[in-house]
């Protein structure tokens, strides 16, 4: 296993955050919204985190709710983020 490098991080910087945004245009007149209504389309973005060295880039668009996992995967891959399996996933995910 490669050597691990650890960094100090303040509270609130220890987490990697993604933002899922849903488009809300077209429901009301220009400059207005229809509260709590949105399309099933939108964008997944990563939130800046200096402790992790994450700088936001373009978001990845999705056109249906089923495309959200794919958009999340693209954001994670673009930023070189590695996910590790938690013990509960051992039941149904096996290493390649």
N, C-alpha and C. Protein backbone atom coordinates (compact mmCIF):
# COMPACT_ATOMS: atom_id res chain seq x y z
N UNK A 1 0.86 -1.18 0.00
CA UNK A 1 0.00 0.00 0.00
C UNK A 1 0.90 1.24 0.00
N UNK A 2 0.50 2.23 -0.75
CA UNK A 2 1.28 3.46 -0.86
C UNK A 2 1.32 4.19 0.48
N UNK A 3 2.34 5.01 0.66
CA UNK A 3 2.43 5.82 1.87
C UNK A 3 1.28 6.81 1.90
N UNK A 4 0.73 6.98 3.06
CA UNK A 4 -0.39 7.90 3.22
C UNK A 4 0.14 9.23 3.73
N UNK A 5 -0.41 10.30 3.22
CA UNK A 5 -0.07 11.64 3.68
C UNK A 5 -1.32 12.25 4.29
N UNK A 6 -1.20 12.69 5.53
CA UNK A 6 -2.34 13.27 6.23
C UNK A 6 -2.15 14.77 6.39
N UNK A 7 -3.23 15.50 6.44
CA UNK A 7 -3.22 16.95 6.64
C UNK A 7 -4.18 17.30 7.76
N UNK A 8 -3.91 18.40 8.42
CA UNK A 8 -4.87 18.91 9.41
C UNK A 8 -6.01 19.60 8.68
N UNK A 9 -7.19 19.50 9.25
CA UNK A 9 -8.36 20.15 8.64
C UNK A 9 -9.25 20.68 9.75
N UNK A 10 -9.78 21.86 9.52
CA UNK A 10 -10.71 22.47 10.48
C UNK A 10 -12.06 21.79 10.40
N UNK A 11 -12.84 22.01 11.44
CA UNK A 11 -14.23 21.52 11.43
C UNK A 11 -14.93 22.13 10.21
N UNK A 12 -15.66 21.34 9.49
CA UNK A 12 -16.35 21.82 8.30
C UNK A 12 -15.56 21.62 7.02
N UNK A 13 -14.27 21.28 7.14
CA UNK A 13 -13.44 21.03 5.97
C UNK A 13 -13.07 19.56 5.85
N UNK A 14 -13.57 18.75 6.74
CA UNK A 14 -13.19 17.33 6.75
C UNK A 14 -14.03 16.51 5.78
N UNK A 15 -15.11 17.08 5.31
CA UNK A 15 -16.04 16.38 4.45
C UNK A 15 -15.85 16.83 3.00
N UNK A 16 -16.09 15.93 2.07
CA UNK A 16 -16.12 16.29 0.65
C UNK A 16 -17.59 16.44 0.30
N UNK A 17 -17.94 17.61 -0.22
CA UNK A 17 -19.34 17.90 -0.51
C UNK A 17 -19.60 18.03 -2.00
N UNK A 18 -20.72 17.46 -2.42
CA UNK A 18 -21.23 17.64 -3.76
C UNK A 18 -22.56 18.37 -3.64
N UNK A 19 -22.86 19.13 -4.66
CA UNK A 19 -24.11 19.89 -4.67
C UNK A 19 -24.93 19.40 -5.86
N UNK A 20 -26.17 19.00 -5.59
CA UNK A 20 -27.10 18.58 -6.65
C UNK A 20 -28.08 19.73 -6.82
N UNK A 21 -28.09 20.34 -7.99
CA UNK A 21 -28.95 21.50 -8.27
C UNK A 21 -29.98 21.11 -9.31
N UNK A 22 -31.23 21.46 -9.06
CA UNK A 22 -32.32 21.18 -10.00
C UNK A 22 -32.76 22.49 -10.65
N UNK A 23 -32.95 22.47 -11.96
CA UNK A 23 -33.39 23.67 -12.68
C UNK A 23 -34.81 24.02 -12.28
N UNK A 24 -35.09 25.32 -12.19
CA UNK A 24 -36.42 25.79 -11.80
C UNK A 24 -37.00 26.79 -12.80
N UNK A 25 -36.35 26.96 -13.94
CA UNK A 25 -36.81 27.94 -14.93
C UNK A 25 -38.09 27.46 -15.61
N UNK A 26 -38.85 28.40 -16.14
CA UNK A 26 -39.99 28.06 -16.98
C UNK A 26 -41.31 27.81 -16.27
N UNK A 27 -41.32 27.86 -14.95
CA UNK A 27 -42.57 27.63 -14.23
C UNK A 27 -43.34 28.92 -13.98
N UNK A 28 -42.65 30.04 -13.94
CA UNK A 28 -43.28 31.32 -13.60
C UNK A 28 -42.72 32.40 -14.53
N UNK A 29 -43.22 33.60 -14.37
CA UNK A 29 -42.71 34.73 -15.16
C UNK A 29 -41.24 35.00 -14.82
N UNK A 30 -40.57 35.71 -15.72
CA UNK A 30 -39.15 36.03 -15.53
C UNK A 30 -38.94 36.73 -14.18
N UNK A 31 -37.92 36.25 -13.43
CA UNK A 31 -37.61 36.84 -12.14
C UNK A 31 -38.45 36.29 -10.99
N UNK A 32 -39.33 35.34 -11.30
CA UNK A 32 -40.17 34.74 -10.27
C UNK A 32 -39.94 33.24 -10.22
N UNK A 33 -40.38 32.63 -9.14
CA UNK A 33 -40.29 31.17 -9.01
C UNK A 33 -41.64 30.62 -8.59
N UNK A 34 -41.80 29.34 -8.76
CA UNK A 34 -42.94 28.61 -8.22
C UNK A 34 -42.34 27.79 -7.07
N UNK A 35 -42.53 28.21 -5.82
CA UNK A 35 -41.85 27.58 -4.69
C UNK A 35 -42.00 26.06 -4.65
N UNK A 36 -40.90 25.41 -4.38
CA UNK A 36 -40.81 23.96 -4.21
C UNK A 36 -41.13 23.16 -5.46
N UNK A 37 -40.91 23.77 -6.64
CA UNK A 37 -41.11 23.06 -7.90
C UNK A 37 -39.83 23.15 -8.73
N UNK A 38 -39.45 22.03 -9.34
CA UNK A 38 -38.25 22.00 -10.18
C UNK A 38 -38.37 20.89 -11.20
N UNK A 39 -37.53 20.96 -12.21
CA UNK A 39 -37.47 19.91 -13.23
C UNK A 39 -36.66 18.73 -12.70
N UNK A 40 -36.73 17.62 -13.40
CA UNK A 40 -35.90 16.46 -13.06
C UNK A 40 -34.54 16.58 -13.73
N UNK A 41 -34.21 17.76 -14.20
CA UNK A 41 -32.92 18.06 -14.83
C UNK A 41 -32.13 18.99 -13.92
N UNK A 42 -30.82 18.96 -14.09
CA UNK A 42 -30.00 19.88 -13.30
C UNK A 42 -28.53 19.61 -13.49
N UNK A 43 -27.78 19.80 -12.40
CA UNK A 43 -26.33 19.74 -12.47
C UNK A 43 -25.78 19.28 -11.12
N UNK A 44 -24.71 18.48 -11.17
CA UNK A 44 -23.98 18.07 -9.96
C UNK A 44 -22.65 18.81 -9.98
N UNK A 45 -22.33 19.48 -8.87
CA UNK A 45 -21.08 20.24 -8.75
C UNK A 45 -20.37 19.82 -7.47
N UNK A 46 -19.07 20.08 -7.43
CA UNK A 46 -18.31 19.84 -6.21
C UNK A 46 -18.11 21.17 -5.50
N UNK A 47 -18.11 21.14 -4.19
CA UNK A 47 -17.95 22.34 -3.37
C UNK A 47 -16.47 22.54 -3.05
N UNK A 48 -16.00 23.77 -3.13
CA UNK A 48 -14.59 24.08 -2.83
C UNK A 48 -14.24 23.59 -1.43
N UNK A 49 -13.04 22.99 -1.31
CA UNK A 49 -12.54 22.55 -0.02
C UNK A 49 -11.02 22.64 -0.07
N UNK A 50 -10.47 23.68 0.53
CA UNK A 50 -9.02 23.91 0.48
C UNK A 50 -8.24 22.82 1.21
N UNK A 51 -8.79 22.27 2.28
CA UNK A 51 -8.09 21.22 3.03
C UNK A 51 -7.86 19.98 2.17
N UNK A 52 -8.81 19.68 1.29
CA UNK A 52 -8.69 18.53 0.40
C UNK A 52 -8.07 18.91 -0.94
N UNK A 53 -7.81 20.18 -1.15
CA UNK A 53 -7.25 20.64 -2.41
C UNK A 53 -8.27 20.61 -3.54
N UNK A 54 -9.51 20.82 -3.23
CA UNK A 54 -10.58 20.76 -4.23
C UNK A 54 -10.97 22.17 -4.66
N UNK A 55 -10.83 22.40 -5.95
CA UNK A 55 -11.27 23.66 -6.54
C UNK A 55 -12.41 23.32 -7.50
N UNK A 56 -13.54 23.99 -7.36
CA UNK A 56 -14.68 23.67 -8.23
C UNK A 56 -14.37 23.90 -9.70
N UNK A 57 -14.87 23.02 -10.53
CA UNK A 57 -14.78 23.19 -11.98
C UNK A 57 -16.22 23.15 -12.50
N UNK A 58 -16.37 22.88 -13.76
CA UNK A 58 -17.72 22.83 -14.32
C UNK A 58 -18.52 21.72 -13.66
N UNK A 59 -19.83 21.88 -13.66
CA UNK A 59 -20.70 20.84 -13.15
C UNK A 59 -21.04 19.86 -14.25
N UNK A 60 -21.60 18.73 -13.89
CA UNK A 60 -22.03 17.73 -14.86
C UNK A 60 -23.56 17.71 -14.87
N UNK A 61 -24.12 17.89 -16.03
CA UNK A 61 -25.56 17.98 -16.17
C UNK A 61 -26.21 16.59 -16.19
N UNK A 62 -27.44 16.54 -15.71
CA UNK A 62 -28.24 15.33 -15.81
C UNK A 62 -29.62 15.72 -16.33
N UNK A 63 -30.26 14.80 -17.07
CA UNK A 63 -31.57 15.07 -17.66
C UNK A 63 -32.67 14.23 -17.05
N UNK A 64 -32.33 13.37 -16.13
CA UNK A 64 -33.33 12.58 -15.40
C UNK A 64 -32.72 12.18 -14.06
N UNK A 65 -33.55 11.79 -13.13
CA UNK A 65 -33.05 11.38 -11.82
C UNK A 65 -32.13 10.17 -11.92
N UNK A 66 -32.35 9.33 -12.92
CA UNK A 66 -31.52 8.14 -13.10
C UNK A 66 -30.10 8.48 -13.54
N UNK A 67 -29.87 9.68 -14.04
CA UNK A 67 -28.54 10.10 -14.48
C UNK A 67 -27.70 10.74 -13.38
N UNK A 68 -28.30 10.98 -12.21
CA UNK A 68 -27.57 11.62 -11.11
C UNK A 68 -26.36 10.78 -10.67
N UNK A 69 -26.48 9.46 -10.48
CA UNK A 69 -25.28 8.69 -10.08
C UNK A 69 -24.14 8.82 -11.09
N UNK A 70 -24.44 8.84 -12.37
CA UNK A 70 -23.42 8.99 -13.39
C UNK A 70 -22.74 10.36 -13.29
N UNK A 71 -23.53 11.41 -13.06
CA UNK A 71 -22.97 12.75 -12.92
C UNK A 71 -22.08 12.83 -11.68
N UNK A 72 -22.50 12.19 -10.59
CA UNK A 72 -21.69 12.16 -9.37
C UNK A 72 -20.37 11.46 -9.64
N UNK A 73 -20.41 10.32 -10.32
CA UNK A 73 -19.20 9.58 -10.63
C UNK A 73 -18.24 10.43 -11.47
N UNK A 74 -18.75 11.16 -12.46
CA UNK A 74 -17.90 12.00 -13.30
C UNK A 74 -17.20 13.09 -12.49
N UNK A 75 -17.92 13.69 -11.56
CA UNK A 75 -17.33 14.74 -10.71
C UNK A 75 -16.22 14.13 -9.84
N UNK A 76 -16.48 12.99 -9.22
CA UNK A 76 -15.49 12.36 -8.36
C UNK A 76 -14.24 11.96 -9.14
N UNK A 77 -14.41 11.38 -10.31
CA UNK A 77 -13.28 10.96 -11.14
C UNK A 77 -12.47 12.17 -11.59
N UNK A 78 -13.16 13.24 -12.03
CA UNK A 78 -12.46 14.43 -12.50
C UNK A 78 -11.55 15.02 -11.42
N UNK A 79 -11.96 14.91 -10.17
CA UNK A 79 -11.19 15.49 -9.07
C UNK A 79 -10.28 14.48 -8.38
N UNK A 80 -10.20 13.26 -8.90
CA UNK A 80 -9.29 12.25 -8.36
C UNK A 80 -9.67 11.77 -6.97
N UNK A 81 -10.95 11.77 -6.66
CA UNK A 81 -11.41 11.37 -5.33
C UNK A 81 -11.63 9.86 -5.31
N UNK A 82 -11.02 9.20 -4.34
CA UNK A 82 -11.15 7.76 -4.19
C UNK A 82 -12.13 7.45 -3.07
N UNK A 83 -13.10 6.61 -3.33
CA UNK A 83 -14.06 6.19 -2.32
C UNK A 83 -13.66 4.81 -1.82
N UNK A 84 -13.83 4.59 -0.53
CA UNK A 84 -13.49 3.31 0.10
C UNK A 84 -14.77 2.67 0.61
N UNK A 85 -14.87 1.36 0.42
CA UNK A 85 -16.08 0.65 0.83
C UNK A 85 -16.21 0.63 2.35
N UNK A 86 -17.41 0.88 2.84
CA UNK A 86 -17.66 0.73 4.27
C UNK A 86 -18.04 -0.73 4.52
N UNK A 87 -17.98 -1.14 5.78
CA UNK A 87 -18.19 -2.56 6.11
C UNK A 87 -19.58 -3.06 5.73
N UNK A 88 -20.58 -2.21 5.74
CA UNK A 88 -21.93 -2.67 5.38
C UNK A 88 -22.02 -3.10 3.92
N UNK A 89 -21.16 -2.55 3.07
CA UNK A 89 -21.21 -2.90 1.66
C UNK A 89 -20.55 -4.25 1.38
N UNK A 90 -19.83 -4.78 2.36
CA UNK A 90 -19.18 -6.08 2.18
C UNK A 90 -20.18 -7.18 1.84
N UNK A 91 -21.42 -6.98 2.23
CA UNK A 91 -22.46 -8.00 1.99
C UNK A 91 -22.70 -8.21 0.50
N UNK A 92 -22.56 -7.16 -0.33
CA UNK A 92 -22.93 -7.30 -1.73
C UNK A 92 -21.92 -6.74 -2.71
N UNK A 93 -20.80 -6.18 -2.24
CA UNK A 93 -19.75 -5.70 -3.14
C UNK A 93 -18.46 -6.42 -2.78
N UNK A 94 -17.87 -7.08 -3.76
CA UNK A 94 -16.61 -7.81 -3.53
C UNK A 94 -15.50 -7.16 -4.35
N UNK A 95 -14.28 -7.12 -3.82
CA UNK A 95 -13.16 -6.55 -4.59
C UNK A 95 -12.96 -7.33 -5.88
N UNK A 96 -12.57 -6.61 -6.95
CA UNK A 96 -12.39 -7.19 -8.29
C UNK A 96 -11.36 -8.23 -8.31
